[in-house]
Amino acid sequence: MRFLAVLATIWMMTGVAMAGDNGILRKESAQGVTETVDALVIAMEGAGLKIFARVDHGAGAKSVDADVGDSQLLIFGNPKVGTPAIQDDPVSGLFLPLKVLVFDDGTGKTMIAYEDPKEMLGHLGGVSDDAPYLKVMAGALAKFTDSVAK
């Protein structure tokens, strides 16, 4: 049991995504929320992805005198990758473009969270588990979030 605890600690410290509930992957960022999202935007735009929106949940909460901490949602994609998913199953449009949430977890850590595309779209009737775009989406999410993870 002790071995497993040590192994889990090492794994978490290497920036490897931690699978969570319902296919949500989490990584710790090396920077604060704004800096992490800024770095993601620069990397994604540099790779030709389109940033559709940057939602500041923290600012939204403050506007109604509430506090959810620092939290930003980045919505991005590439129509060349997402369109085939929507062609396979129009309901894919509920889940696309892709999203990455960056938030302060309340303990001083900045966390990055995103949904595994296979989990996100795999339950839809028209999306095959081996659809090539799922691998492309998963690879892009891993690449960009790894670039800002600890």
Protein backbone atom coordinates (compact mmCIF):
# COMPACT_ATOMS: atom_id res chain seq x y z
CA MET A 1 0.00 0.00 0.00
CA ARG A 2 2.83 2.36 0.84
CA PHE A 3 4.37 1.66 -2.57
CA LEU A 4 1.14 2.69 -4.30
CA ALA A 5 0.99 5.93 -2.34
CA VAL A 6 4.57 6.79 -3.28
CA LEU A 7 3.92 5.88 -6.92
CA ALA A 8 0.78 8.04 -6.99
CA THR A 9 2.68 10.98 -5.51
CA ILE A 10 5.47 10.69 -8.07
CA TRP A 11 2.92 10.41 -10.89
CA MET A 12 1.08 13.53 -9.74
CA MET A 13 4.32 15.49 -9.44
CA THR A 14 5.32 14.73 -13.03
CA GLY A 15 2.42 16.65 -14.50
CA VAL A 16 0.67 13.55 -15.78
CA ALA A 17 -3.05 14.06 -16.07
CA MET A 18 -5.09 12.62 -13.26
CA ALA A 19 -8.31 11.02 -14.43
CA GLY A 20 -11.29 12.20 -12.45
CA ASP A 21 -14.99 11.67 -12.51
CA ASN A 22 -16.62 11.13 -15.90
CA GLY A 23 -13.45 11.40 -17.95
CA ILE A 24 -12.31 14.76 -16.54
CA LEU A 25 -8.52 15.05 -16.62
CA ARG A 26 -6.71 17.34 -14.19
CA LYS A 27 -3.19 18.72 -14.08
CA GLU A 28 -1.51 21.22 -11.81
CA SER A 29 -0.25 24.36 -13.50
CA ALA A 30 3.14 25.89 -12.88
CA GLN A 31 1.60 29.39 -12.95
CA GLY A 32 -1.43 31.33 -11.74
CA VAL A 33 -4.82 31.15 -13.45
CA THR A 34 -4.47 34.22 -15.70
CA GLU A 35 -0.88 33.39 -16.63
CA THR A 36 -1.84 29.80 -17.43
CA VAL A 37 -4.72 30.85 -19.67
CA ASP A 38 -2.54 33.49 -21.33
CA ALA A 39 0.10 30.84 -22.09
CA LEU A 40 -2.55 28.46 -23.45
CA VAL A 41 -3.94 31.20 -25.73
CA ILE A 42 -0.48 32.02 -27.10
CA ALA A 43 0.34 28.35 -27.73
CA MET A 44 -3.03 27.56 -29.29
CA GLU A 45 -3.13 30.61 -31.54
CA GLY A 46 0.46 29.88 -32.55
CA ALA A 47 -0.66 26.42 -33.64
CA GLY A 48 -3.52 27.84 -35.71
CA LEU A 49 -6.39 27.10 -33.35
CA LYS A 50 -9.23 29.56 -32.98
CA ILE A 51 -10.01 30.98 -29.54
CA PHE A 52 -13.79 31.38 -29.46
CA ALA A 53 -14.14 32.71 -25.90
CA ARG A 54 -12.46 33.26 -22.59
CA VAL A 55 -14.98 33.15 -19.77
CA ASP A 56 -13.93 34.62 -16.42
CA HIS A 57 -16.08 32.74 -13.89
CA GLY A 58 -14.34 34.48 -11.00
CA ALA A 59 -15.23 37.94 -12.31
CA GLY A 60 -18.79 36.79 -13.04
CA ALA A 61 -19.22 35.60 -9.48
CA LYS A 62 -17.83 38.85 -8.09
CA SER A 63 -20.37 40.78 -10.17
CA VAL A 64 -23.12 39.19 -8.05
CA ASP A 65 -21.21 39.56 -4.77
CA ALA A 66 -20.13 35.91 -4.69
CA ASP A 67 -16.73 34.26 -4.72
CA VAL A 68 -15.71 31.16 -6.64
CA GLY A 69 -12.03 32.02 -6.62
CA ASP A 70 -9.99 32.65 -9.72
CA SER A 71 -11.47 30.54 -12.52
CA GLN A 72 -11.38 30.92 -16.29
CA LEU A 73 -12.80 28.77 -19.08
CA LEU A 74 -11.07 28.79 -22.45
CA ILE A 75 -13.18 27.72 -25.44
CA PHE A 76 -11.20 26.88 -28.56
CA GLY A 77 -11.05 24.64 -31.57
CA ASN A 78 -10.29 23.94 -35.17
CA PRO A 79 -13.25 23.52 -37.51
CA LYS A 80 -11.24 21.03 -39.61
CA VAL A 81 -11.18 18.72 -36.58
CA GLY A 82 -14.55 19.43 -34.97
CA THR A 83 -16.70 19.49 -38.09
CA PRO A 84 -16.31 15.74 -38.82
CA ALA A 85 -17.58 14.99 -35.31
CA ILE A 86 -20.65 17.14 -35.90
CA GLN A 87 -21.15 15.45 -39.28
CA ASP A 88 -21.03 12.05 -37.56
CA ASP A 89 -23.47 13.15 -34.88
CA PRO A 90 -24.98 16.65 -34.84
CA VAL A 91 -25.35 16.44 -31.05
CA SER A 92 -21.54 16.72 -30.89
CA GLY A 93 -22.20 20.43 -31.27
CA LEU A 94 -23.31 20.49 -27.64
CA PHE A 95 -19.77 19.56 -26.60
CA LEU A 96 -17.70 21.40 -29.18
CA PRO A 97 -15.66 23.56 -29.41
CA LEU A 98 -13.28 22.09 -26.88
CA LYS A 99 -12.91 23.63 -23.44
CA VAL A 100 -10.21 23.89 -20.79
CA LEU A 101 -10.96 25.17 -17.30
CA VAL A 102 -8.17 26.75 -15.25
CA PHE A 103 -8.98 27.44 -11.62
CA ASP A 104 -7.58 28.04 -8.16
CA ASP A 105 -8.42 24.92 -6.16
CA GLY A 106 -8.68 26.79 -2.86
CA THR A 107 -5.38 25.46 -1.51
CA GLY A 108 -3.18 27.77 -3.57
CA LYS A 109 -2.79 25.38 -6.50
CA THR A 110 -3.77 26.31 -10.01
CA MET A 111 -5.48 23.39 -11.68
CA ILE A 112 -6.20 22.67 -15.33
CA ALA A 113 -9.20 20.50 -16.14
CA TYR A 114 -10.63 19.20 -19.39
CA GLU A 115 -12.82 16.36 -20.57
CA ASP A 116 -11.35 13.44 -22.48
CA PRO A 117 -12.86 13.72 -25.99
CA LYS A 118 -13.51 9.98 -26.20
CA GLU A 119 -15.54 10.16 -22.97
CA MET A 120 -17.18 13.40 -24.02
CA LEU A 121 -18.31 12.29 -27.47
CA GLY A 122 -18.09 8.50 -27.19
CA HIS A 123 -21.54 8.10 -25.68
CA LEU A 124 -23.15 9.66 -28.73
CA GLY A 125 -24.63 7.18 -31.15
CA GLY A 126 -22.94 8.51 -34.28
CA VAL A 127 -19.39 8.91 -32.95
CA SER A 128 -17.23 5.81 -33.28
CA ASP A 129 -14.73 5.05 -30.50
CA ASP A 130 -12.01 4.89 -33.14
CA ALA A 131 -12.91 8.11 -34.97
CA PRO A 132 -9.58 9.74 -35.96
CA TYR A 133 -10.64 13.17 -34.72
CA LEU A 134 -10.94 11.87 -31.14
CA LYS A 135 -7.23 11.08 -31.14
CA VAL A 136 -6.40 14.48 -32.64
CA MET A 137 -8.52 16.28 -30.04
CA ALA A 138 -7.05 14.27 -27.15
CA GLY A 139 -3.52 14.87 -28.43
CA ALA A 140 -4.06 18.60 -28.74
CA LEU A 141 -5.57 18.89 -25.27
CA ALA A 142 -2.70 16.89 -23.75
CA LYS A 143 -0.03 18.82 -25.66
CA PHE A 144 -1.28 22.29 -24.77
CA THR A 145 -2.10 21.54 -21.14
CA ASP A 146 1.21 19.69 -20.67
CA SER A 147 3.02 22.80 -21.92
CA VAL A 148 1.78 24.78 -18.90
CA ALA A 149 1.61 21.98 -16.32
CA LYS A 150 4.20 21.38 -13.62
